[in-house]
Amino acid sequence: MNLVKLRRSVLGLSLALALLLTTGVVAHAQERFIVMASTTSTEQSGLFPHLLPAFKAATGIDVRVVAVGTGQALDMGRRGDADVLFVHDKAAEEKFVAEGFGLKRSEVMFNDFVLIGPKTDPANVRGKDIVAGLTRLGATAQPFVSRADKSGTHAAELRYWKLAGFETPVGKLSGYKECGCGMGPALNIASATDAYVLADRGTWLAFKNRANLAVLVEGDTRLFNQYGVIVVNPAKHPHTKTALAQAFADWVVSAPGQASIAAYKIGGEQLFFLNARP
């Protein structure tokens, strides 16, 4: 090969390498996404398909949601498998931050839990007192579906059973069944078996397969259901995308983020209510 051809070959290889490197840099720059561990109830309410496109339009950041129970979401944060958490078990969230796994917990929104059951209400739980309702339910053999998945809803359910005098309902209540599943599947099981179940109102409003089910207990202040957002601490997991995750946490408590949450309705009924403190 003569000198001219050699120079042309080297130049061609250099250009090809430069193009490859440039393409890689551009592709990397375009990968503006975070992983958010959140609850099945929030996802199944339909909020995220409404909320996240608004966030992406405002920031260019994509959010990839992993929907699990709150306990599992917090465990993902502890392992560094998520950049940000959007969950609803305040005590567990505060513990997560106190242990150094989260930077800060910010309150975002709230709704409430409701006790669902057959319209005929054979256990006579209907009313506004969740403890009285569960006390009456526990005295019967009527079926109750527990998510049993360490979710925020499951944690709340166990608190209410404890207040009703049932420290550990498993094995003590003949109708108590654990599904180890998300909110939607638990509602489907209750619908198919005429069982009682504790649900968050957002998922209930979005749920279509209601059959003979109805809301039987609501309005008790103890049924308050708070959601919070937490950015995973990079001191524990340096590989997490802290800046992008913080952008989401800041946006969701900002005026535009809160307005987007308030605008999400089903049948004209608002699913989540605002109480963020930016």
C-alpha atoms as a PDB file:
ATOM      1  CA  MET A   1       0.000   0.000   0.000  1.00  0.00           C
ATOM      2  CA  ASN A   2       1.472   3.399  -0.999  1.00  0.00           C
ATOM      3  CA  LEU A   3       1.651   6.372   1.342  1.00  0.00           C
ATOM      4  CA  VAL A   4      -1.405   8.149  -0.095  1.00  0.00           C
ATOM      5  CA  LYS A   5      -3.601   5.073   0.285  1.00  0.00           C
ATOM      6  CA  LEU A   6      -2.304   4.521   3.806  1.00  0.00           C
ATOM      7  CA  ARG A   7      -3.142   8.086   4.793  1.00  0.00           C
ATOM      8  CA  ARG A   8      -6.637   7.725   3.305  1.00  0.00           C
ATOM      9  CA  SER A   9      -7.169   4.466   5.199  1.00  0.00           C
ATOM     10  CA  VAL A  10      -6.065   5.992   8.497  1.00  0.00           C
ATOM     11  CA  LEU A  11      -8.259   9.057   7.892  1.00  0.00           C
ATOM     12  CA  GLY A  12     -11.263   6.842   7.124  1.00  0.00           C
ATOM     13  CA  LEU A  13     -10.762   4.823  10.271  1.00  0.00           C
ATOM     14  CA  SER A  14     -10.400   8.000  12.329  1.00  0.00           C
ATOM     15  CA  LEU A  15     -13.620   9.447  10.937  1.00  0.00           C
ATOM     16  CA  ALA A  16     -15.480   6.197  11.555  1.00  0.00           C
ATOM     17  CA  LEU A  17     -14.197   6.073  15.139  1.00  0.00           C
ATOM     18  CA  ALA A  18     -15.134   9.714  15.714  1.00  0.00           C
ATOM     19  CA  LEU A  19     -18.624   9.095  14.351  1.00  0.00           C
ATOM     20  CA  LEU A  20     -19.029   6.043  16.579  1.00  0.00           C
ATOM     21  CA  LEU A  21     -17.921   7.944  19.656  1.00  0.00           C
ATOM     22  CA  THR A  22     -20.156  10.908  18.834  1.00  0.00           C
ATOM     23  CA  THR A  23     -23.157   8.633  18.342  1.00  0.00           C
ATOM     24  CA  GLY A  24     -22.457   6.970  21.690  1.00  0.00           C
ATOM     25  CA  VAL A  25     -22.211  10.328  23.483  1.00  0.00           C
ATOM     26  CA  VAL A  26     -25.458  11.556  21.924  1.00  0.00           C
ATOM     27  CA  ALA A  27     -27.240   8.315  22.791  1.00  0.00           C
ATOM     28  CA  HIS A  28     -25.968   8.541  26.364  1.00  0.00           C
ATOM     29  CA  ALA A  29     -27.063  12.175  26.592  1.00  0.00           C
ATOM     30  CA  GLN A  30     -30.530  11.216  25.408  1.00  0.00           C
ATOM     31  CA  GLU A  31     -30.917   8.577  28.160  1.00  0.00           C
ATOM     32  CA  ARG A  32     -32.533  10.986  30.609  1.00  0.00           C
ATOM     33  CA  PHE A  33     -34.621   8.599  32.678  1.00  0.00           C
ATOM     34  CA  ILE A  34     -35.059   7.530  36.250  1.00  0.00           C
ATOM     35  CA  VAL A  35     -36.422   4.400  37.878  1.00  0.00           C
ATOM     36  CA  MET A  36     -39.236   5.065  40.326  1.00  0.00           C
ATOM     37  CA  ALA A  37     -40.363   2.385  42.760  1.00  0.00           C
ATOM     38  CA  SER A  38     -43.972   3.023  43.614  1.00  0.00           C
ATOM     39  CA  THR A  39     -47.115   1.310  44.791  1.00  0.00           C
ATOM     40  CA  THR A  40     -49.433  -0.931  42.815  1.00  0.00           C
ATOM     41  CA  SER A  41     -52.354   1.090  44.130  1.00  0.00           C
ATOM     42  CA  THR A  42     -50.959   4.339  42.698  1.00  0.00           C
ATOM     43  CA  GLU A  43     -50.260   2.713  39.354  1.00  0.00           C
ATOM     44  CA  GLN A  44     -53.596   0.898  39.162  1.00  0.00           C
ATOM     45  CA  SER A  45     -55.464   4.093  39.970  1.00  0.00           C
ATOM     46  CA  GLY A  46     -54.325   5.314  36.544  1.00  0.00           C
ATOM     47  CA  LEU A  47     -52.486   8.347  37.942  1.00  0.00           C
ATOM     48  CA  PHE A  48     -49.111   7.735  36.330  1.00  0.00           C
ATOM     49  CA  PRO A  49     -50.229   7.676  32.666  1.00  0.00           C
ATOM     50  CA  HIS A  50     -51.732  11.091  33.414  1.00  0.00           C
ATOM     51  CA  LEU A  51     -48.957  12.550  35.576  1.00  0.00           C
ATOM     52  CA  LEU A  52     -45.681  11.339  34.068  1.00  0.00           C
ATOM     53  CA  PRO A  53     -46.182  12.650  30.520  1.00  0.00           C
ATOM     54  CA  ALA A  54     -46.694  16.113  32.042  1.00  0.00           C
ATOM     55  CA  PHE A  55     -43.410  15.750  33.947  1.00  0.00           C
ATOM     56  CA  LYS A  56     -41.572  14.598  30.822  1.00  0.00           C
ATOM     57  CA  ALA A  57     -42.986  17.492  28.815  1.00  0.00           C
ATOM     58  CA  ALA A  58     -41.716  19.915  31.463  1.00  0.00           C
ATOM     59  CA  THR A  59     -38.256  18.384  31.976  1.00  0.00           C
ATOM     60  CA  GLY A  60     -37.474  15.901  29.198  1.00  0.00           C
ATOM     61  CA  ILE A  61     -36.946  13.208  31.833  1.00  0.00           C
ATOM     62  CA  ASP A  62     -38.612   9.829  31.386  1.00  0.00           C
ATOM     63  CA  VAL A  63     -39.809   7.885  34.442  1.00  0.00           C
ATOM     64  CA  ARG A  64     -39.800   4.092  34.419  1.00  0.00           C
ATOM     65  CA  VAL A  65     -42.163   2.838  37.104  1.00  0.00           C
ATOM     66  CA  VAL A  66     -41.711  -0.406  39.023  1.00  0.00           C
ATOM     67  CA  ALA A  67     -45.039  -0.973  40.803  1.00  0.00           C
ATOM     68  CA  VAL A  68     -44.752  -3.060  43.971  1.00  0.00           C
ATOM     69  CA  GLY A  69     -45.929  -2.845  47.564  1.00  0.00           C
ATOM     70  CA  THR A  70     -44.509   0.022  49.616  1.00  0.00           C
ATOM     71  CA  GLY A  71     -42.348  -2.362  51.666  1.00  0.00           C
ATOM     72  CA  GLN A  72     -40.840  -3.795  48.493  1.00  0.00           C
ATOM     73  CA  ALA A  73     -40.366  -0.298  47.058  1.00  0.00           C
ATOM     74  CA  LEU A  74     -38.430   0.733  50.166  1.00  0.00           C
ATOM     75  CA  ASP A  75     -36.323  -2.425  49.856  1.00  0.00           C
ATOM     76  CA  MET A  76     -35.543  -1.465  46.252  1.00  0.00           C
ATOM     77  CA  GLY A  77     -34.320   1.877  47.543  1.00  0.00           C
ATOM     78  CA  ARG A  78     -32.185   0.180  50.170  1.00  0.00           C
ATOM     79  CA  ARG A  79     -30.553  -1.928  47.447  1.00  0.00           C
ATOM     80  CA  GLY A  80     -30.082   1.035  45.118  1.00  0.00           C
ATOM     81  CA  ASP A  81     -32.423  -0.493  42.508  1.00  0.00           C
ATOM     82  CA  ALA A  82     -34.440   2.732  42.221  1.00  0.00           C
ATOM     83  CA  ASP A  83     -33.623   6.427  42.017  1.00  0.00           C
ATOM     84  CA  VAL A  84     -36.767   7.737  43.686  1.00  0.00           C
ATOM     85  CA  LEU A  85     -39.673   6.295  45.713  1.00  0.00           C
ATOM     86  CA  PHE A  86     -43.349   7.321  45.610  1.00  0.00           C
ATOM     87  CA  VAL A  87     -45.017   5.415  48.443  1.00  0.00           C
ATOM     88  CA  HIS A  88     -47.592   5.542  51.263  1.00  0.00           C
ATOM     89  CA  ASP A  89     -46.482   4.233  54.644  1.00  0.00           C
ATOM     90  CA  LYS A  90     -45.308   7.277  56.587  1.00  0.00           C
ATOM     91  CA  ALA A  91     -43.747   5.424  59.524  1.00  0.00           C
ATOM     92  CA  ALA A  92     -41.763   3.107  57.233  1.00  0.00           C
ATOM     93  CA  GLU A  93     -40.733   6.040  55.027  1.00  0.00           C
ATOM     94  CA  GLU A  94     -39.442   8.045  57.991  1.00  0.00           C
ATOM     95  CA  LYS A  95     -37.473   5.002  59.154  1.00  0.00           C
ATOM     96  CA  PHE A  96     -35.975   4.668  55.647  1.00  0.00           C
ATOM     97  CA  VAL A  97     -34.759   8.282  55.770  1.00  0.00           C
ATOM     98  CA  ALA A  98     -33.542   7.997  59.369  1.00  0.00           C
ATOM     99  CA  GLU A  99     -31.424   5.003  58.370  1.00  0.00           C
ATOM    100  CA  GLY A 100     -29.718   7.161  55.743  1.00  0.00           C
ATOM    101  CA  PHE A 101     -31.198   5.522  52.645  1.00  0.00           C
ATOM    102  CA  GLY A 102     -33.230   8.561  51.592  1.00  0.00           C
ATOM    103  CA  LEU A 103     -32.336  12.242  51.352  1.00  0.00           C
ATOM    104  CA  LYS A 104     -35.673  13.647  52.484  1.00  0.00           C
ATOM    105  CA  ARG A 105     -39.324  12.649  52.676  1.00  0.00           C
ATOM    106  CA  SER A 106     -41.767  15.138  51.170  1.00  0.00           C
ATOM    107  CA  GLU A 107     -45.528  14.813  51.411  1.00  0.00           C
ATOM    108  CA  VAL A 108     -47.219  14.960  48.022  1.00  0.00           C
ATOM    109  CA  MET A 109     -50.920  14.099  48.202  1.00  0.00           C
ATOM    110  CA  PHE A 110     -53.481  12.031  50.063  1.00  0.00           C
ATOM    111  CA  ASN A 111     -56.676  10.093  49.650  1.00  0.00           C
ATOM    112  CA  ASP A 112     -58.274   7.551  51.966  1.00  0.00           C
ATOM    113  CA  PHE A 113     -58.789   3.864  52.524  1.00  0.00           C
ATOM    114  CA  VAL A 114     -62.241   2.320  52.283  1.00  0.00           C
ATOM    115  CA  LEU A 115     -63.584  -1.030  53.442  1.00  0.00           C
ATOM    116  CA  ILE A 116     -65.200  -2.807  50.505  1.00  0.00           C
ATOM    117  CA  GLY A 117     -67.591  -5.723  50.772  1.00  0.00           C
ATOM    118  CA  PRO A 118     -70.773  -7.332  49.422  1.00  0.00           C
ATOM    119  CA  LYS A 119     -73.673  -4.905  49.043  1.00  0.00           C
ATOM    120  CA  THR A 120     -75.756  -7.186  51.253  1.00  0.00           C
ATOM    121  CA  ASP A 121     -73.124  -6.730  54.006  1.00  0.00           C
ATOM    122  CA  PRO A 122     -73.649 -10.044  55.841  1.00  0.00           C
ATOM    123  CA  ALA A 123     -71.154  -9.026  58.577  1.00  0.00           C
ATOM    124  CA  ASN A 124     -73.010  -5.748  59.210  1.00  0.00           C
ATOM    125  CA  VAL A 125     -69.884  -3.585  59.001  1.00  0.00           C
ATOM    126  CA  ARG A 126     -71.500  -0.604  57.259  1.00  0.00           C
ATOM    127  CA  GLY A 127     -70.771   2.759  58.840  1.00  0.00           C
ATOM    128  CA  LYS A 128     -67.984   5.283  59.463  1.00  0.00           C
ATOM    129  CA  ASP A 129     -65.990   3.443  62.159  1.00  0.00           C
ATOM    130  CA  ILE A 130     -63.331   1.118  60.722  1.00  0.00           C
ATOM    131  CA  VAL A 131     -62.518  -0.468  64.098  1.00  0.00           C
ATOM    132  CA  ALA A 132     -66.166  -1.224  64.883  1.00  0.00           C
ATOM    133  CA  GLY A 133     -66.624  -2.615  61.393  1.00  0.00           C
ATOM    134  CA  LEU A 134     -63.651  -4.956  61.639  1.00  0.00           C
ATOM    135  CA  THR A 135     -64.672  -6.008  65.140  1.00  0.00           C
ATOM    136  CA  ARG A 136     -68.024  -7.155  63.777  1.00  0.00           C
ATOM    137  CA  LEU A 137     -66.379  -8.755  60.729  1.00  0.00           C
ATOM    138  CA  GLY A 138     -63.915 -10.631  62.948  1.00  0.00           C
ATOM    139  CA  ALA A 139     -66.768 -12.178  64.881  1.00  0.00           C
ATOM    140  CA  THR A 140     -68.070 -13.854  61.710  1.00  0.00           C
ATOM    141  CA  ALA A 141     -66.693 -16.366  59.225  1.00  0.00           C
ATOM    142  CA  GLN A 142     -67.196 -13.995  56.303  1.00  0.00           C
ATOM    143  CA  PRO A 143     -64.271 -13.969  53.828  1.00  0.00           C
ATOM    144  CA  PHE A 144     -61.720 -11.153  53.927  1.00  0.00           C
ATOM    145  CA  VAL A 145     -58.948 -10.747  51.341  1.00  0.00           C
ATOM    146  CA  SER A 146     -55.646  -9.382  52.651  1.00  0.00           C
ATOM    147  CA  ARG A 147     -53.017  -8.176  50.209  1.00  0.00           C
ATOM    148  CA  ALA A 148     -50.341  -9.636  52.521  1.00  0.00           C
ATOM    149  CA  ASP A 149     -47.610  -8.027  50.403  1.00  0.00           C
ATOM    150  CA  LYS A 150     -46.001  -5.587  52.865  1.00  0.00           C
ATOM    151  CA  SER A 151     -47.612  -2.719  50.991  1.00  0.00           C
ATOM    152  CA  GLY A 152     -48.782   0.509  52.597  1.00  0.00           C
ATOM    153  CA  THR A 153     -52.342  -0.769  52.318  1.00  0.00           C
ATOM    154  CA  HIS A 154     -51.378  -4.047  53.994  1.00  0.00           C
ATOM    155  CA  ALA A 155     -49.609  -2.178  56.819  1.00  0.00           C
ATOM    156  CA  ALA A 156     -52.699  -0.020  57.357  1.00  0.00           C
ATOM    157  CA  GLU A 157     -54.976  -3.071  57.317  1.00  0.00           C
ATOM    158  CA  LEU A 158     -52.916  -4.768  60.046  1.00  0.00           C
ATOM    159  CA  ARG A 159     -53.037  -1.601  62.159  1.00  0.00           C
ATOM    160  CA  TYR A 160     -56.832  -1.542  61.941  1.00  0.00           C
ATOM    161  CA  TRP A 161     -57.126  -5.246  62.806  1.00  0.00           C
ATOM    162  CA  LYS A 162     -54.886  -4.668  65.822  1.00  0.00           C
ATOM    163  CA  LEU A 163     -57.122  -1.807  66.999  1.00  0.00           C
ATOM    164  CA  ALA A 164     -60.073  -4.178  66.597  1.00  0.00           C
ATOM    165  CA  GLY A 165     -58.409  -6.664  68.945  1.00  0.00           C
ATOM    166  CA  PHE A 166     -56.833  -8.998  66.394  1.00  0.00           C
ATOM    167  CA  GLU A 167     -53.057  -8.738  66.799  1.00  0.00           C
ATOM    168  CA  THR A 168     -52.447 -11.404  64.161  1.00  0.00           C
ATOM    169  CA  PRO A 169     -55.539 -12.124  62.046  1.00  0.00           C
ATOM    170  CA  VAL A 170     -53.780 -14.955  60.189  1.00  0.00           C
ATOM    171  CA  GLY A 171     -54.952 -18.244  61.691  1.00  0.00           C
ATOM    172  CA  LYS A 172     -57.371 -16.524  64.058  1.00  0.00           C
ATOM    173  CA  LEU A 173     -60.042 -15.422  61.602  1.00  0.00           C
ATOM    174  CA  SER A 174     -61.532 -18.313  59.663  1.00  0.00           C
ATOM    175  CA  GLY A 175     -62.437 -16.146  56.686  1.00  0.00           C
ATOM    176  CA  TYR A 176     -59.061 -14.357  56.469  1.00  0.00           C
ATOM    177  CA  LYS A 177     -57.254 -15.114  53.197  1.00  0.00           C
ATOM    178  CA  GLU A 178     -53.855 -13.794  52.114  1.00  0.00           C
ATOM    179  CA  CYS A 179     -53.277 -13.293  48.397  1.00  0.00           C
ATOM    180  CA  GLY A 180     -49.764 -11.784  48.377  1.00  0.00           C
ATOM    181  CA  CYS A 181     -50.905  -9.577  45.506  1.00  0.00           C
ATOM    182  CA  GLY A 182     -51.481  -6.008  44.404  1.00  0.00           C
ATOM    183  CA  MET A 183     -54.598  -3.948  44.948  1.00  0.00           C
ATOM    184  CA  GLY A 184     -56.230  -4.742  41.618  1.00  0.00           C
ATOM    185  CA  PRO A 185     -55.890  -8.537  41.950  1.00  0.00           C
ATOM    186  CA  ALA A 186     -57.095  -8.370  45.580  1.00  0.00           C
ATOM    187  CA  LEU A 187     -60.220  -6.532  44.441  1.00  0.00           C
ATOM    188  CA  ASN A 188     -60.760  -9.097  41.693  1.00  0.00           C
ATOM    189  CA  ILE A 189     -60.586 -11.926  44.248  1.00  0.00           C
ATOM    190  CA  ALA A 190     -63.025 -10.103  46.521  1.00  0.00           C
ATOM    191  CA  SER A 191     -65.350  -9.539  43.577  1.00  0.00           C
ATOM    192  CA  ALA A 192     -65.271 -13.223  42.609  1.00  0.00           C
ATOM    193  CA  THR A 193     -65.813 -14.515  46.147  1.00  0.00           C
ATOM    194  CA  ASP A 194     -68.097 -11.859  47.706  1.00  0.00           C
ATOM    195  CA  ALA A 195     -65.353 -11.052  50.197  1.00  0.00           C
ATOM    196  CA  TYR A 196     -64.454  -7.966  52.192  1.00  0.00           C
ATOM    197  CA  VAL A 197     -61.228  -6.096  51.393  1.00  0.00           C
ATOM    198  CA  LEU A 198     -59.475  -2.864  52.399  1.00  0.00           C
ATOM    199  CA  ALA A 199     -58.643  -0.698  49.387  1.00  0.00           C
ATOM    200  CA  ASP A 200     -57.384   2.769  48.625  1.00  0.00           C
ATOM    201  CA  ARG A 201     -60.116   4.899  47.127  1.00  0.00           C
ATOM    202  CA  GLY A 202     -58.111   5.722  43.992  1.00  0.00           C
ATOM    203  CA  THR A 203     -57.814   2.100  42.880  1.00  0.00           C
ATOM    204  CA  TRP A 204     -61.449   1.434  43.810  1.00  0.00           C
ATOM    205  CA  LEU A 205     -62.656   4.311  41.629  1.00  0.00           C
ATOM    206  CA  ALA A 206     -60.594   2.979  38.708  1.00  0.00           C
ATOM    207  CA  PHE A 207     -61.723  -0.621  39.287  1.00  0.00           C
ATOM    208  CA  LYS A 208     -64.274  -1.898  36.777  1.00  0.00           C
ATOM    209  CA  ASN A 209     -64.984  -5.481  37.906  1.00  0.00           C
ATOM    210  CA  ARG A 210     -67.074  -4.543  40.937  1.00  0.00           C
ATOM    211  CA  ALA A 211     -69.854  -7.142  40.600  1.00  0.00           C
ATOM    212  CA  ASN A 212     -71.634  -7.202  43.994  1.00  0.00           C
ATOM    213  CA  LEU A 213     -69.071  -5.048  45.831  1.00  0.00           C
ATOM    214  CA  ALA A 214     -69.663  -1.630  47.373  1.00  0.00           C
ATOM    215  CA  VAL A 215     -67.992   0.805  49.767  1.00  0.00           C
ATOM    216  CA  LEU A 216     -69.236  -0.067  53.253  1.00  0.00           C
ATOM    217  CA  VAL A 217     -66.954   1.866  55.632  1.00  0.00           C
ATOM    218  CA  GLU A 218     -65.594   5.310  54.842  1.00  0.00           C
ATOM    219  CA  GLY A 219     -65.082   8.678  56.474  1.00  0.00           C
ATOM    220  CA  ASP A 220     -63.129   7.560  59.556  1.00  0.00           C
ATOM    221  CA  THR A 221     -60.167   9.911  60.107  1.00  0.00           C
ATOM    222  CA  ARG A 222     -58.031   6.818  60.772  1.00  0.00           C
ATOM    223  CA  LEU A 223     -58.502   5.867  57.093  1.00  0.00           C
ATOM    224  CA  PHE A 224     -56.385   8.846  55.967  1.00  0.00           C
ATOM    225  CA  ASN A 225     -53.827   7.707  53.365  1.00  0.00           C
ATOM    226  CA  GLN A 226     -50.764   9.928  52.856  1.00  0.00           C
ATOM    227  CA  TYR A 227     -48.306   9.616  49.943  1.00  0.00           C
ATOM    228  CA  GLY A 228     -44.690  10.756  50.039  1.00  0.00           C
ATOM    229  CA  VAL A 229     -41.737  11.065  47.666  1.00  0.00           C
ATOM    230  CA  ILE A 230     -38.128  10.223  48.611  1.00  0.00           C
ATOM    231  CA  VAL A 231     -34.918  10.528  46.588  1.00  0.00           C
ATOM    232  CA  VAL A 232     -32.517   7.653  47.260  1.00  0.00           C
ATOM    233  CA  ASN A 233     -29.353   8.814  49.039  1.00  0.00           C
ATOM    234  CA  PRO A 234     -26.319   8.761  46.700  1.00  0.00           C
ATOM    235  CA  ALA A 235     -24.051   8.381  49.721  1.00  0.00           C
ATOM    236  CA  LYS A 236     -25.427   4.841  49.959  1.00  0.00           C
ATOM    237  CA  HIS A 237     -25.664   4.245  46.208  1.00  0.00           C
ATOM    238  CA  PRO A 238     -23.463   6.594  44.126  1.00  0.00           C
ATOM    239  CA  HIS A 239     -24.735   5.138  40.842  1.00  0.00           C
ATOM    240  CA  THR A 240     -28.278   6.483  41.338  1.00  0.00           C
ATOM    241  CA  LYS A 241     -29.420   9.463  39.266  1.00  0.00           C
ATOM    242  CA  THR A 242     -29.788  11.931  42.080  1.00  0.00           C
ATOM    243  CA  ALA A 243     -30.143  15.127  40.042  1.00  0.00           C
ATOM    244  CA  LEU A 244     -32.833  13.685  37.775  1.00  0.00           C
ATOM    245  CA  ALA A 245     -34.638  12.061  40.711  1.00  0.00           C
ATOM    246  CA  GLN A 246     -34.550  15.337  42.629  1.00  0.00           C
ATOM    247  CA  ALA A 247     -36.023  17.084  39.592  1.00  0.00           C
ATOM    248  CA  PHE A 248     -39.025  14.746  39.834  1.00  0.00           C
ATOM    249  CA  ALA A 249     -39.345  15.155  43.609  1.00  0.00           C
ATOM    250  CA  ASP A 250     -39.247  18.950  43.235  1.00  0.00           C
ATOM    251  CA  TRP A 251     -41.702  18.992  40.330  1.00  0.00           C
ATOM    252  CA  VAL A 252     -44.323  16.744  41.929  1.00  0.00           C
ATOM    253  CA  VAL A 253     -44.645  19.118  44.916  1.00  0.00           C
ATOM    254  CA  SER A 254     -44.474  22.255  42.765  1.00  0.00           C
ATOM    255  CA  ALA A 255     -47.530  24.178  41.572  1.00  0.00           C
ATOM    256  CA  PRO A 256     -47.515  22.548  38.099  1.00  0.00           C
ATOM    257  CA  GLY A 257     -47.077  19.045  39.541  1.00  0.00           C
ATOM    258  CA  GLN A 258     -49.780  19.543  42.122  1.00  0.00           C
ATOM    259  CA  ALA A 259     -52.132  20.966  39.498  1.00  0.00           C
ATOM    260  CA  SER A 260     -51.566  17.893  37.340  1.00  0.00           C
ATOM    261  CA  ILE A 261     -52.441  15.580  40.258  1.00  0.00           C
ATOM    262  CA  ALA A 262     -55.576  17.581  41.063  1.00  0.00           C
ATOM    263  CA  ALA A 263     -56.675  17.409  37.430  1.00  0.00           C
ATOM    264  CA  TYR A 264     -56.774  13.602  37.436  1.00  0.00           C
ATOM    265  CA  LYS A 265     -60.382  12.495  37.841  1.00  0.00           C
ATOM    266  CA  ILE A 266     -62.539   9.475  37.083  1.00  0.00           C
ATOM    267  CA  GLY A 267     -66.199  10.100  36.378  1.00  0.00           C
ATOM    268  CA  GLY A 268     -65.703  13.672  37.530  1.00  0.00           C
ATOM    269  CA  GLU A 269     -64.422  12.544  40.932  1.00  0.00           C
ATOM    270  CA  GLN A 270     -60.958  13.638  42.071  1.00  0.00           C
ATOM    271  CA  LEU A 271     -58.808  10.689  43.209  1.00  0.00           C
ATOM    272  CA  PHE A 272     -55.995  12.438  45.072  1.00  0.00           C
ATOM    273  CA  PHE A 273     -55.919  15.632  47.116  1.00  0.00           C
ATOM    274  CA  LEU A 274     -53.028  18.009  47.601  1.00  0.00           C
ATOM    275  CA  ASN A 275     -51.019  18.725  50.732  1.00  0.00           C
ATOM    276  CA  ALA A 276     -47.453  19.173  49.474  1.00  0.00           C
ATOM    277  CA  ARG A 277     -45.107  21.517  51.287  1.00  0.00           C
ATOM    278  CA  PRO A 278     -42.535  22.604  48.665  1.00  0.00           C
END
